Protein backbone atom coordinates (compact mmCIF):
# COMPACT_ATOMS: atom_id res chain seq x y z
CA MET A 1 -108.12 -21.24 97.59
CA ALA A 2 -107.59 -17.66 97.87
CA GLN A 3 -109.60 -14.99 96.22
CA PHE A 4 -106.95 -12.70 94.94
CA LYS A 5 -103.28 -13.38 94.07
CA VAL A 6 -100.84 -10.46 95.05
CA LEU A 7 -97.28 -10.18 93.08
CA ALA A 8 -94.93 -8.47 95.28
CA MET A 9 -91.60 -7.47 93.17
CA ASP A 10 -88.24 -5.73 93.91
CA ASN A 11 -87.52 -7.35 97.31
CA VAL A 12 -90.31 -5.30 99.27
CA SER A 13 -89.91 -5.70 102.88
CA GLN A 14 -91.38 -9.00 104.06
CA LYS A 15 -92.37 -7.70 107.42
CA GLY A 16 -94.17 -4.76 105.38
CA LEU A 17 -96.30 -7.45 103.52
CA GLU A 18 -97.99 -8.45 107.05
CA PRO A 19 -101.06 -6.83 106.01
CA LEU A 20 -101.45 -9.00 103.16
CA TYR A 21 -100.60 -12.39 104.79
CA ASN A 22 -102.84 -11.93 107.43
CA LYS A 23 -105.77 -12.06 104.98
CA PRO A 24 -106.74 -15.65 104.29
CA ASP A 25 -108.30 -14.86 100.91
CA ILE A 26 -105.31 -12.96 99.79
CA GLU A 27 -101.97 -14.85 98.25
CA VAL A 28 -98.61 -13.37 98.24
CA VAL A 29 -96.07 -14.30 95.55
CA ILE A 30 -92.77 -13.23 95.83
CA GLY A 31 -91.39 -12.54 92.37
CA SER A 32 -87.89 -12.18 91.17
CA LYS A 33 -86.13 -9.87 88.81
CA MET A 34 -87.94 -9.96 85.32
CA THR A 35 -87.75 -8.55 81.94
CA GLU A 36 -90.77 -7.14 80.69
CA ASP A 37 -91.73 -9.91 78.79
CA GLU A 38 -91.37 -12.12 81.19
CA LEU A 39 -93.63 -10.13 83.55
CA ILE A 40 -96.27 -10.14 80.70
CA ALA A 41 -96.15 -13.71 80.76
CA VAL A 42 -97.30 -13.89 84.52
CA ILE A 43 -99.11 -10.79 85.36
CA GLY A 44 -102.39 -12.04 84.01
CA GLU A 45 -102.87 -14.10 86.96
CA TYR A 46 -102.70 -11.50 89.50
CA ASP A 47 -105.20 -8.91 91.06
CA ALA A 48 -102.57 -6.69 92.47
CA MET A 49 -99.02 -6.00 92.26
CA ILE A 50 -96.42 -4.00 94.71
CA VAL A 51 -93.36 -2.67 93.23
CA ARG A 52 -90.32 -0.45 94.38
CA SER A 53 -88.27 1.31 91.74
CA ALA A 54 -86.77 -1.50 89.66
CA THR A 55 -89.79 -3.12 88.04
CA LYS A 56 -91.57 -1.00 85.11
CA VAL A 57 -95.31 -1.11 84.83
CA THR A 58 -95.58 -0.45 81.00
CA PRO A 59 -98.55 -0.01 78.71
CA ARG A 60 -97.62 -3.75 77.52
CA VAL A 61 -97.62 -4.98 80.86
CA LEU A 62 -100.94 -3.45 81.71
CA GLU A 63 -102.51 -4.58 78.22
CA ASN A 64 -101.83 -8.16 79.30
CA ALA A 65 -103.32 -7.77 82.82
CA PRO A 66 -107.13 -8.27 82.83
CA LYS A 67 -107.50 -9.00 86.23
CA LEU A 68 -105.18 -6.41 87.81
CA LYS A 69 -107.29 -3.99 89.94
CA VAL A 70 -104.13 -2.15 91.87
CA VAL A 71 -100.55 -1.61 91.69
CA GLY A 72 -99.00 -0.13 94.80
CA ARG A 73 -95.33 1.87 94.90
CA ALA A 74 -93.66 0.88 98.06
CA GLY A 75 -92.51 4.41 98.45
CA VAL A 76 -93.48 7.92 96.82
CA GLY A 77 -92.03 8.35 93.35
CA VAL A 78 -94.03 6.39 90.67
CA ASP A 79 -92.08 7.29 87.43
CA ASN A 80 -91.82 3.56 86.94
CA ILE A 81 -95.47 3.20 86.61
CA ASP A 82 -97.78 4.39 83.51
CA LEU A 83 -100.45 6.43 85.26
CA GLU A 84 -102.19 7.19 82.14
CA ALA A 85 -102.16 3.48 80.71
CA SER A 86 -103.24 2.43 84.39
CA THR A 87 -106.13 4.81 84.33
CA GLN A 88 -107.05 3.93 80.85
CA HIS A 89 -107.18 0.00 82.01
CA GLY A 90 -109.07 1.23 85.65
CA VAL A 91 -106.18 0.13 87.54
CA LEU A 92 -105.67 1.97 90.70
CA VAL A 93 -102.21 3.40 91.40
CA VAL A 94 -101.44 3.76 95.24
CA ASN A 95 -98.18 4.82 96.89
CA ALA A 96 -96.85 5.53 100.48
CA PRO A 97 -96.24 9.26 100.83
CA ASP A 98 -95.74 9.60 104.49
CA GLY A 99 -93.64 6.29 105.49
CA ASN A 100 -90.19 8.28 104.64
CA THR A 101 -90.93 11.61 106.25
CA ILE A 102 -89.30 11.05 109.41
CA ALA A 103 -86.30 9.19 107.92
CA ALA A 104 -85.95 12.39 105.34
CA ALA A 105 -86.29 15.00 108.11
CA GLU A 106 -83.72 13.08 110.45
CA HIS A 107 -81.31 12.48 107.40
CA THR A 108 -81.43 16.18 106.98
CA MET A 109 -80.80 17.00 110.55
CA ALA A 110 -77.74 14.46 110.40
CA MET A 111 -76.25 16.52 107.52
CA MET A 112 -76.71 19.73 109.21
CA LEU A 113 -74.95 18.81 112.52
CA ALA A 114 -72.34 16.63 110.81
CA LEU A 115 -71.72 19.88 108.57
CA ALA A 116 -71.54 22.28 111.52
CA ARG A 117 -68.95 19.90 113.19
CA ASN A 118 -66.71 18.79 110.45
CA ILE A 119 -67.72 15.21 111.60
CA PRO A 120 -67.09 13.35 108.58
CA GLN A 121 -63.83 15.17 108.08
CA ALA A 122 -62.55 14.56 111.47
CA VAL A 123 -63.45 10.66 111.49
CA ALA A 124 -61.46 10.43 108.22
CA LYS A 125 -58.45 11.98 109.53
CA MET A 126 -58.63 9.69 112.73
CA LYS A 127 -58.84 6.44 110.59
CA ASN A 128 -55.77 7.61 108.82
CA GLY A 129 -54.11 7.84 112.06
CA VAL A 130 -54.02 11.37 112.65
CA TRP A 131 -55.33 13.06 115.96
CA ASP A 132 -56.12 16.81 114.71
CA LYS A 133 -58.12 18.70 117.11
CA LYS A 134 -57.61 22.12 116.07
CA ALA A 135 -58.22 21.82 112.43
CA PHE A 136 -62.11 21.04 112.95
CA LEU A 137 -63.59 24.09 114.89
CA GLY A 138 -67.46 24.01 114.54
CA VAL A 139 -70.28 26.21 115.02
CA GLU A 140 -73.09 25.71 117.09
CA LEU A 141 -76.66 25.69 115.68
CA ARG A 142 -78.09 27.21 118.57
CA GLY A 143 -79.06 30.62 117.82
CA LYS A 144 -78.26 30.37 114.02
CA THR A 145 -81.21 31.15 111.31
CA LEU A 146 -82.26 28.14 109.45
CA GLY A 147 -83.60 29.07 106.12
CA VAL A 148 -86.11 26.13 105.26
CA ILE A 149 -86.95 26.44 101.42
CA GLY A 150 -90.39 24.41 101.12
CA LEU A 151 -92.57 23.68 104.20
CA GLY A 152 -94.22 20.52 102.95
CA ARG A 153 -94.00 17.39 105.37
CA ILE A 154 -90.35 16.98 105.43
CA GLY A 155 -89.79 20.99 105.58
CA SER A 156 -92.06 21.00 108.60
CA ALA A 157 -90.78 18.30 110.15
CA VAL A 158 -87.00 19.51 109.95
CA ALA A 159 -88.43 23.31 111.05
CA ARG A 160 -89.68 21.31 114.21
CA ARG A 161 -86.40 19.59 114.88
CA ALA A 162 -84.50 22.82 114.30
CA GLN A 163 -86.69 24.41 116.66
CA ALA A 164 -85.73 22.14 119.35
CA MET A 165 -82.42 23.02 118.52
CA GLU A 166 -83.21 26.69 119.43
CA MET A 167 -82.91 27.80 116.03
CA ASP A 168 -84.81 30.61 114.57
CA ILE A 169 -86.58 29.22 111.42
CA VAL A 170 -87.31 31.62 108.27
CA ALA A 171 -89.26 29.73 105.53
CA TYR A 172 -90.15 30.36 101.75
CA ASP A 173 -93.28 28.51 100.54
CA PRO A 174 -95.41 30.51 98.18
CA TYR A 175 -98.33 28.11 98.87
CA ILE A 176 -98.67 28.31 102.61
CA SER A 177 -100.41 31.13 104.31
CA GLU A 178 -98.90 33.55 107.05
CA GLU A 179 -101.23 32.26 109.74
CA LYS A 180 -100.32 28.51 109.01
CA ALA A 181 -96.70 29.45 109.27
CA GLU A 182 -97.15 31.57 112.34
CA SER A 183 -98.95 29.07 114.34
CA MET A 184 -95.74 26.99 113.42
CA GLY A 185 -93.53 29.73 115.07
CA ILE A 186 -92.11 30.08 111.77
CA LYS A 187 -91.51 33.44 109.99
CA LEU A 188 -92.51 33.51 105.96
CA ALA A 189 -90.23 35.45 103.52
CA THR A 190 -89.81 35.68 99.88
CA LEU A 191 -86.68 33.65 98.51
CA GLU A 192 -84.96 37.21 98.06
CA GLU A 193 -85.89 37.93 101.69
CA LEU A 194 -84.37 34.48 103.01
CA LEU A 195 -81.03 34.42 101.45
CA PRO A 196 -79.11 37.08 103.04
CA VAL A 197 -80.26 36.41 106.61
CA ALA A 198 -79.92 32.63 106.68
CA ASP A 199 -76.76 30.93 108.51
CA PHE A 200 -77.78 27.47 107.02
CA ILE A 201 -80.10 26.84 104.10
CA THR A 202 -82.17 23.48 103.56
CA VAL A 203 -84.06 22.76 100.55
CA HIS A 204 -87.42 20.73 100.51
CA MET A 205 -89.03 21.40 97.22
CA PRO A 206 -90.06 19.25 94.46
CA LYS A 207 -87.71 19.51 91.23
CA THR A 208 -89.45 21.13 88.47
CA LYS A 209 -88.86 24.03 85.66
CA GLU A 210 -89.20 26.84 88.35
CA THR A 211 -87.33 24.72 91.17
CA TYR A 212 -84.49 23.47 88.64
CA HIS A 213 -81.33 25.37 89.64
CA MET A 214 -83.22 27.61 92.25
CA LEU A 215 -79.92 28.00 94.10
CA ASP A 216 -77.81 29.29 91.34
CA ASP A 217 -75.04 31.93 90.66
CA LYS A 218 -77.42 34.70 91.58
CA ALA A 219 -78.98 33.18 94.79
CA PHE A 220 -75.51 32.08 95.94
CA ALA A 221 -74.28 35.62 95.44
CA ALA A 222 -77.09 36.85 97.52
CA MET A 223 -76.57 34.73 100.54
CA LYS A 224 -74.90 35.72 103.64
CA ASP A 225 -70.86 34.99 104.16
CA GLY A 226 -70.20 31.81 105.61
CA VAL A 227 -73.54 30.17 104.75
CA ARG A 228 -73.79 26.60 104.82
CA VAL A 229 -76.54 24.57 102.47
CA ILE A 230 -78.11 21.11 102.88
CA ASN A 231 -80.11 19.40 100.02
CA CYS A 232 -81.71 16.30 100.65
CA ALA A 233 -84.58 16.81 98.38
CA ARG A 234 -84.04 16.38 94.61
CA GLY A 235 -80.95 16.75 92.55
CA GLY A 236 -80.57 19.72 90.33
CA ILE A 237 -82.30 22.21 92.64
CA VAL A 238 -79.06 23.34 93.87
CA ASP A 239 -76.85 24.46 90.64
CA GLU A 240 -73.87 22.37 91.64
CA GLU A 241 -71.47 24.33 89.19
CA ALA A 242 -72.44 27.52 91.21
CA LEU A 243 -72.26 26.01 94.62
CA TYR A 244 -68.46 24.90 93.84
CA LYS A 245 -67.59 28.40 92.71
CA TYR A 246 -68.82 30.05 95.92
CA MET A 247 -67.33 27.43 98.02
CA GLN A 248 -63.76 28.10 96.25
CA TYR A 249 -64.40 31.76 96.98
CA GLY A 250 -65.19 30.92 100.58
CA LYS A 251 -68.50 32.59 100.78
CA VAL A 252 -70.22 29.33 101.43
CA ALA A 253 -68.47 27.72 104.51
CA GLY A 254 -70.10 24.32 103.84
CA ALA A 255 -72.23 22.38 102.01
CA ALA A 256 -73.82 18.76 102.27
CA LEU A 257 -75.88 16.94 99.70
CA ASP A 258 -77.40 13.84 99.43
CA VAL A 259 -78.84 14.20 95.68
CA PHE A 260 -76.93 15.07 92.58
CA GLU A 261 -78.26 16.47 89.40
CA LYS A 262 -77.00 13.25 87.86
CA GLU A 263 -76.66 9.91 90.01
CA PRO A 264 -74.89 7.97 90.85
CA ASN A 265 -72.05 10.58 90.98
CA THR A 266 -68.64 9.93 92.23
CA ASP A 267 -66.60 12.30 90.36
CA SER A 268 -68.08 15.43 91.16
CA PRO A 269 -65.32 18.45 91.96
CA LEU A 270 -67.38 19.21 95.06
CA LEU A 271 -66.15 16.14 96.59
CA GLU A 272 -62.60 17.56 96.44
CA MET A 273 -63.47 20.31 98.79
CA ASN A 274 -62.87 19.62 102.26
CA SER A 275 -66.00 21.55 103.68
CA PHE A 276 -68.18 19.40 101.32
CA ILE A 277 -70.00 16.37 102.57
CA ALA A 278 -72.36 14.09 100.63
CA THR A 279 -74.51 10.81 101.00
CA PRO A 280 -75.42 8.64 97.95
CA HIS A 281 -79.26 9.41 98.26
CA LEU A 282 -80.01 8.25 101.53
CA GLY A 283 -82.74 10.34 102.64
CA ALA A 284 -84.99 7.48 102.93
CA SER A 285 -82.88 4.68 103.64
CA THR A 286 -83.61 3.33 107.06
CA ALA A 287 -85.02 0.09 108.01
CA GLU A 288 -88.05 1.91 109.77
CA ALA A 289 -88.88 3.70 106.50
CA GLN A 290 -88.54 0.73 104.44
CA ILE A 291 -90.98 -1.58 106.50
CA ASN A 292 -93.60 1.69 107.00
CA VAL A 293 -93.63 2.27 102.92
CA ALA A 294 -94.31 -1.42 102.61
CA VAL A 295 -96.92 -1.47 105.40
CA ASP A 296 -98.72 1.46 104.00
CA VAL A 297 -98.77 0.16 100.48
CA ALA A 298 -100.00 -3.16 101.74
CA GLU A 299 -102.81 -1.82 103.56
CA GLU A 300 -103.90 0.17 100.59
CA ILE A 301 -103.98 -2.72 98.30
CA VAL A 302 -106.02 -4.72 101.05
CA GLU A 303 -108.49 -1.86 101.15
CA ALA A 304 -108.62 -1.61 97.16
CA LEU A 305 -109.38 -5.26 96.73
CA GLN A 306 -111.98 -5.14 99.11
CA GLY A 307 -113.64 -2.28 97.14
CA LYS A 308 -113.23 0.34 99.75
CA VAL A 309 -112.05 3.95 99.37
CA VAL A 310 -108.07 4.03 99.35
CA ARG A 311 -106.31 6.88 101.04
CA ASN A 312 -103.31 7.58 98.58
CA THR A 313 -104.63 7.01 95.06
CA VAL A 314 -102.13 8.35 92.83
CA ASN A 315 -103.95 8.31 89.48
CA ILE A 316 -107.77 8.29 89.88
CA PRO A 317 -110.20 8.81 92.86
CA SER A 318 -112.01 5.99 94.24
CA VAL A 319 -115.55 6.58 93.74
CA LYS A 320 -118.57 4.54 92.73
CA PRO A 321 -118.63 3.08 89.25
CA GLU A 322 -121.57 4.53 88.38
CA VAL A 323 -120.38 8.14 89.27
CA MET A 324 -116.82 7.53 87.76
CA SER A 325 -118.26 6.53 84.25
CA LYS A 326 -119.86 9.91 84.09
CA ILE A 327 -117.30 12.27 85.46
CA LYS A 328 -114.07 10.03 84.26
CA PRO A 329 -113.65 12.02 81.02
CA TYR A 330 -113.24 15.18 82.73
CA LEU A 331 -110.64 14.08 85.57
CA LYS A 332 -107.73 14.46 82.85
CA LEU A 333 -109.32 18.01 81.74
CA ALA A 334 -109.57 19.26 85.32
CA GLU A 335 -105.88 17.99 86.21
CA LYS A 336 -104.52 19.85 82.98
CA LEU A 337 -106.26 23.08 84.05
CA GLY A 338 -104.82 22.92 87.62
CA LYS A 339 -101.63 22.19 86.13
CA PHE A 340 -101.54 25.11 83.61
CA GLN A 341 -102.98 27.78 86.29
CA ALA A 342 -100.32 26.81 88.77
CA GLN A 343 -97.54 27.92 86.05
CA LEU A 344 -99.58 31.15 85.45
CA VAL A 345 -100.36 32.33 89.03
CA GLU A 346 -98.11 34.65 90.96
CA GLY A 347 -97.94 35.63 94.58
CA ARG A 348 -99.28 33.82 97.59
CA VAL A 349 -102.46 31.83 96.53
CA ASN A 350 -105.22 32.11 99.14
CA LYS A 351 -108.46 31.00 97.17
CA MET A 352 -109.07 28.52 94.24
CA GLU A 353 -113.04 29.04 92.99
CA VAL A 354 -114.32 26.37 90.79
CA VAL A 355 -117.44 27.10 88.88
CA TYR A 356 -119.26 24.11 86.58
CA ASN A 357 -121.43 25.17 83.85
CA GLY A 358 -123.78 22.98 81.40
CA ASP A 359 -124.11 19.10 81.74
CA LEU A 360 -121.96 18.80 84.84
CA ALA A 361 -124.55 20.89 86.92
CA GLY A 362 -126.40 17.69 87.50
CA GLU A 363 -123.40 15.36 88.51
CA ASP A 364 -121.31 14.82 91.46
CA VAL A 365 -118.49 17.02 90.87
CA LYS A 366 -116.44 16.73 93.73
CA PRO A 367 -113.91 14.32 92.30
CA ILE A 368 -113.45 16.85 89.45
CA THR A 369 -112.49 19.41 91.82
CA THR A 370 -109.87 17.17 93.57
CA ALA A 371 -108.38 16.48 90.46
CA LEU A 372 -108.33 20.50 89.89
CA VAL A 373 -106.81 20.78 93.28
CA LYS A 374 -104.41 17.87 92.78
CA GLY A 375 -103.26 19.39 89.34
CA PHE A 376 -102.70 22.84 90.76
CA LEU A 377 -100.65 21.33 93.69
CA ASP A 378 -98.61 18.74 91.89
CA PRO A 379 -96.29 21.10 90.12
CA ILE A 380 -95.21 23.22 93.44
CA LEU A 381 -95.08 20.66 96.21
CA GLN A 382 -92.39 18.10 97.45
CA GLU A 383 -94.66 15.88 98.73
CA SER A 384 -96.98 13.49 96.80
CA VAL A 385 -100.33 14.88 96.01
CA ASN A 386 -103.29 12.36 95.08
CA PHE A 387 -106.71 12.42 94.96
CA ILE A 388 -107.32 11.66 98.62
CA ASN A 389 -104.82 14.45 100.25
CA ALA A 390 -105.10 17.19 97.80
CA PRO A 391 -107.90 18.83 99.77
CA LEU A 392 -106.47 18.71 103.05
CA LEU A 393 -102.70 19.96 101.36
CA ALA A 394 -104.90 22.97 100.20
CA LYS A 395 -106.33 23.66 103.69
CA ASN A 396 -102.79 23.24 105.57
CA ARG A 397 -101.79 25.61 103.11
CA GLY A 398 -104.39 28.32 103.77
CA ILE A 399 -106.14 27.76 100.03
CA SER A 400 -109.94 28.03 100.46
CA VAL A 401 -111.41 26.01 97.71
CA VAL A 402 -115.03 27.05 96.57
CA GLN A 403 -117.32 25.09 94.43
CA THR A 404 -119.88 26.21 92.36
CA VAL A 405 -122.45 24.71 89.98
CA ASN A 406 -124.40 26.69 87.26
CA GLY A 407 -126.94 25.38 84.31
CA ARG A 408 -125.69 27.87 81.79
CA ALA A 409 -122.57 27.11 79.70
CA ASP A 410 -122.28 29.61 77.22
CA GLY A 411 -122.49 27.70 74.17
CA TYR A 412 -120.77 24.47 75.61
CA ALA A 413 -122.35 21.38 76.55
CA SER A 414 -120.01 21.64 79.70
CA LEU A 415 -117.57 24.12 81.05
CA ILE A 416 -115.03 24.18 83.90
CA THR A 417 -113.59 27.46 84.94
CA LEU A 418 -111.05 27.77 87.60
CA LYS A 419 -110.12 31.03 89.22
CA VAL A 420 -107.27 31.30 91.52
CA ILE A 421 -106.63 34.41 93.75
CA SER A 422 -103.45 35.52 95.06
CA ASP A 423 -101.95 38.32 96.82
CA LYS A 424 -100.87 39.65 93.54
CA GLY A 425 -104.37 39.22 91.40
CA GLU A 426 -106.57 36.62 89.96
CA LYS A 427 -106.18 34.06 87.21
CA SER A 428 -109.10 32.70 85.27
CA LEU A 429 -108.87 29.48 83.02
CA SER A 430 -112.12 27.67 81.31
CA GLY A 431 -111.77 24.33 79.52
CA THR A 432 -114.20 21.92 77.93
CA LEU A 433 -114.50 18.59 76.30
CA PHE A 434 -114.76 18.39 72.48
CA GLN A 435 -115.87 15.43 70.57
CA GLU A 436 -114.61 12.03 71.59
CA ASN A 437 -113.58 13.86 75.05
CA GLU A 438 -110.87 15.88 73.75
CA PRO A 439 -109.91 18.45 76.14
CA ARG A 440 -109.63 22.06 75.68
CA ILE A 441 -108.67 25.50 76.96
CA VAL A 442 -111.07 27.89 75.61
CA MET A 443 -110.72 30.80 78.00
CA VAL A 444 -107.99 32.50 79.65
CA ASP A 445 -108.41 35.37 81.78
CA GLY A 446 -111.50 36.44 79.59
CA TYR A 447 -110.02 35.71 76.48
CA ARG A 448 -111.49 33.13 74.06
CA VAL A 449 -109.00 30.61 72.51
CA ASP A 450 -109.12 26.91 71.76
CA ALA A 451 -105.88 25.05 72.81
CA VAL A 452 -104.96 21.70 73.64
CA PRO A 453 -103.57 21.16 76.95
CA GLU A 454 -100.75 19.08 76.25
CA GLY A 455 -96.85 19.06 75.91
CA ASN A 456 -95.00 22.63 75.84
CA MET A 457 -96.86 25.99 75.77
CA LEU A 458 -96.12 29.43 75.84
CA TYR A 459 -98.70 32.07 77.33
CA VAL A 460 -97.84 35.46 76.10
CA PRO A 461 -100.16 38.38 77.19
CA HIS A 462 -99.37 41.35 74.82
CA MET A 463 -100.77 44.69 73.20
CA ASP A 464 -103.16 44.08 70.05
CA LYS A 465 -100.75 45.70 67.35
CA PRO A 466 -98.61 44.38 64.65
CA ARG A 467 -95.10 43.29 64.83
CA ILE A 468 -95.51 41.11 67.88
CA ILE A 469 -96.56 37.55 66.59
CA GLY A 470 -93.70 37.35 64.03
CA PRO A 471 -90.83 38.31 66.34
CA VAL A 472 -91.96 35.89 69.15
CA GLY A 473 -92.01 32.94 66.00
CA MET A 474 -88.51 34.42 65.29
CA LEU A 475 -87.02 33.77 68.30
CA ILE A 476 -88.64 30.38 69.05
CA GLY A 477 -87.14 29.28 65.49
CA GLU A 478 -83.55 30.44 66.35
CA HIS A 479 -83.41 27.77 68.61
CA GLN A 480 -84.51 25.23 66.30
CA ILE A 481 -87.86 24.72 68.13
CA ASN A 482 -91.07 23.97 66.04
CA ILE A 483 -94.19 25.69 66.88
CA ALA A 484 -97.21 23.03 66.78
CA GLY A 485 -100.06 25.33 66.94
CA MET A 486 -100.81 28.92 67.93
CA GLN A 487 -104.29 30.71 69.23
CA VAL A 488 -104.72 34.69 69.70
CA GLY A 489 -107.57 35.81 71.57
CA ARG A 490 -108.55 39.43 72.02
CA LYS A 491 -111.52 41.39 73.33
CA GLU A 492 -111.44 44.60 71.01
CA ILE A 493 -109.18 45.56 68.36
CA GLY A 494 -106.28 47.55 69.86
CA GLY A 495 -106.72 46.50 73.40
CA LYS A 496 -104.71 43.72 75.20
CA ALA A 497 -104.64 40.31 73.80
CA VAL A 498 -103.24 36.72 74.42
CA MET A 499 -101.32 34.37 72.46
CA MET A 500 -100.81 30.70 72.94
CA LEU A 501 -98.49 28.38 71.41
CA SER A 502 -97.73 24.89 71.42
CA VAL A 503 -94.32 23.79 70.78
CA ASP A 504 -92.37 20.86 70.08
CA ALA A 505 -89.50 21.07 72.94
CA PRO A 506 -89.01 23.14 76.24
CA VAL A 507 -88.19 26.95 75.52
CA PRO A 508 -84.81 28.26 76.98
CA GLU A 509 -84.95 30.86 79.96
CA GLU A 510 -82.93 33.20 77.53
CA THR A 511 -85.35 33.07 75.04
CA LEU A 512 -88.40 33.89 77.34
CA LYS A 513 -86.46 36.96 78.57
CA ALA A 514 -85.93 37.88 74.95
CA ILE A 515 -89.65 37.29 74.13
CA ALA A 516 -90.56 39.51 77.05
CA GLU A 517 -88.54 42.50 75.95
CA ILE A 518 -90.29 42.92 72.73
CA ASP A 519 -92.29 46.03 72.57
CA GLY A 520 -95.94 45.29 73.21
CA VAL A 521 -95.53 41.87 75.05
CA LEU A 522 -96.84 42.16 78.78
CA ASP A 523 -95.58 38.85 80.03
CA VAL A 524 -94.55 35.47 78.90
CA LYS A 525 -94.72 32.06 80.80
CA PHE A 526 -93.78 28.56 79.70
CA VAL A 527 -95.98 25.92 80.56
CA SER A 528 -95.31 22.22 80.64
CA LEU A 529 -98.32 19.77 80.93
């Protein structure tokens, strides 16, 4: 009788499950499509589960899975798995972040070549019985400048392939060092510098509030006449209305999208444009990629069931239970501090300093540091960031991570301070746990506050004088956004101060701009946790 049972859902590649089939102590059961209640009825029998995107691993499912040790996602995204509930129930969540890199990079190159040589349009005419050689004059890639927005795994793979086509590469990625880019033969630039020089632009960024509509009306206006744009990353990074407008103007000579802001999408006005080509989110859709992601996650599940350290843990690091019991409450706090800091810092980051004070001084804090780095990188990278690869991803971008332990905690039982240093200065953030392990931000750039790091927040540095807090509140209220909490910190009367607000909904960009124009306001940042 097998020691472990694994439930494989969502038509995961059978060939990819071979690492599980090869273990005599593991029984694999292939599950059919189930409702939440149907899954709850059987999940109690299983030690592990593999899913793709269809099956939802909800808190109710996890509550009824006493034997479950690990859930594997045969792919990158884990939106269908409740990570917080998984962590609460001690269930590891693993994914396969590398299995589709080649597929996505090759699809990007295919789109670029098809765009340059009008291949889909020529095929369509021939299938309609028309031989029209003169209508499809193309352009060569050799000697052209490719602007790569995002130099993660996929962006770097695209850059290498484009270099083989003798293209010049200019890249925008604020989280990679110039030395690293230079070693790859790539010139780093700001987005403002990249847009007017690129003949082709390809996007490889995650979709965040910072990258949403990154290529908008203003960006298209700054591009070179005759530019061609490719997006095989995430829908919404390219403003499709702006793209349509500039294709109509003729400024954008062509565009290729594999992803759309709303999917499925078969009625976009872009599809009416002769110079526009599209595919239905096929970036990872190769036979090899589907097998690779299944093999990767199956191997991870074998490691997890055998009690070994796994490579691609998404929710909690794989450490000894006795260590985990002591540091686990701090992991959530650390990740929140990292995410918060990532949304405050400006410029090219080159160093992260983590200082531990108080009770933590005697513990193994390395997993907490990893959680900080993971939280910091998560909002800014396209690739999946986890507790295993986060330190390497930081290193690959030229970001050094320094960890210091100090016994004193300035009145707190424990204190974690994260300093992030960039070419535009330094940002400092401190947090601790209050009663019942409730995370708190207690200091920002040296100003004392008491804020709960969750939901939607505003950070507003300002001069300490009247008629600032009121106007900020009024502007937010005009958009029917409720303020749930407010903290103000200052060092001296009449000097500089900081305001932190918790709000019930995202604050629109126009409201942020209006707040920034209030007399005495020095800056404003919207933070989503």
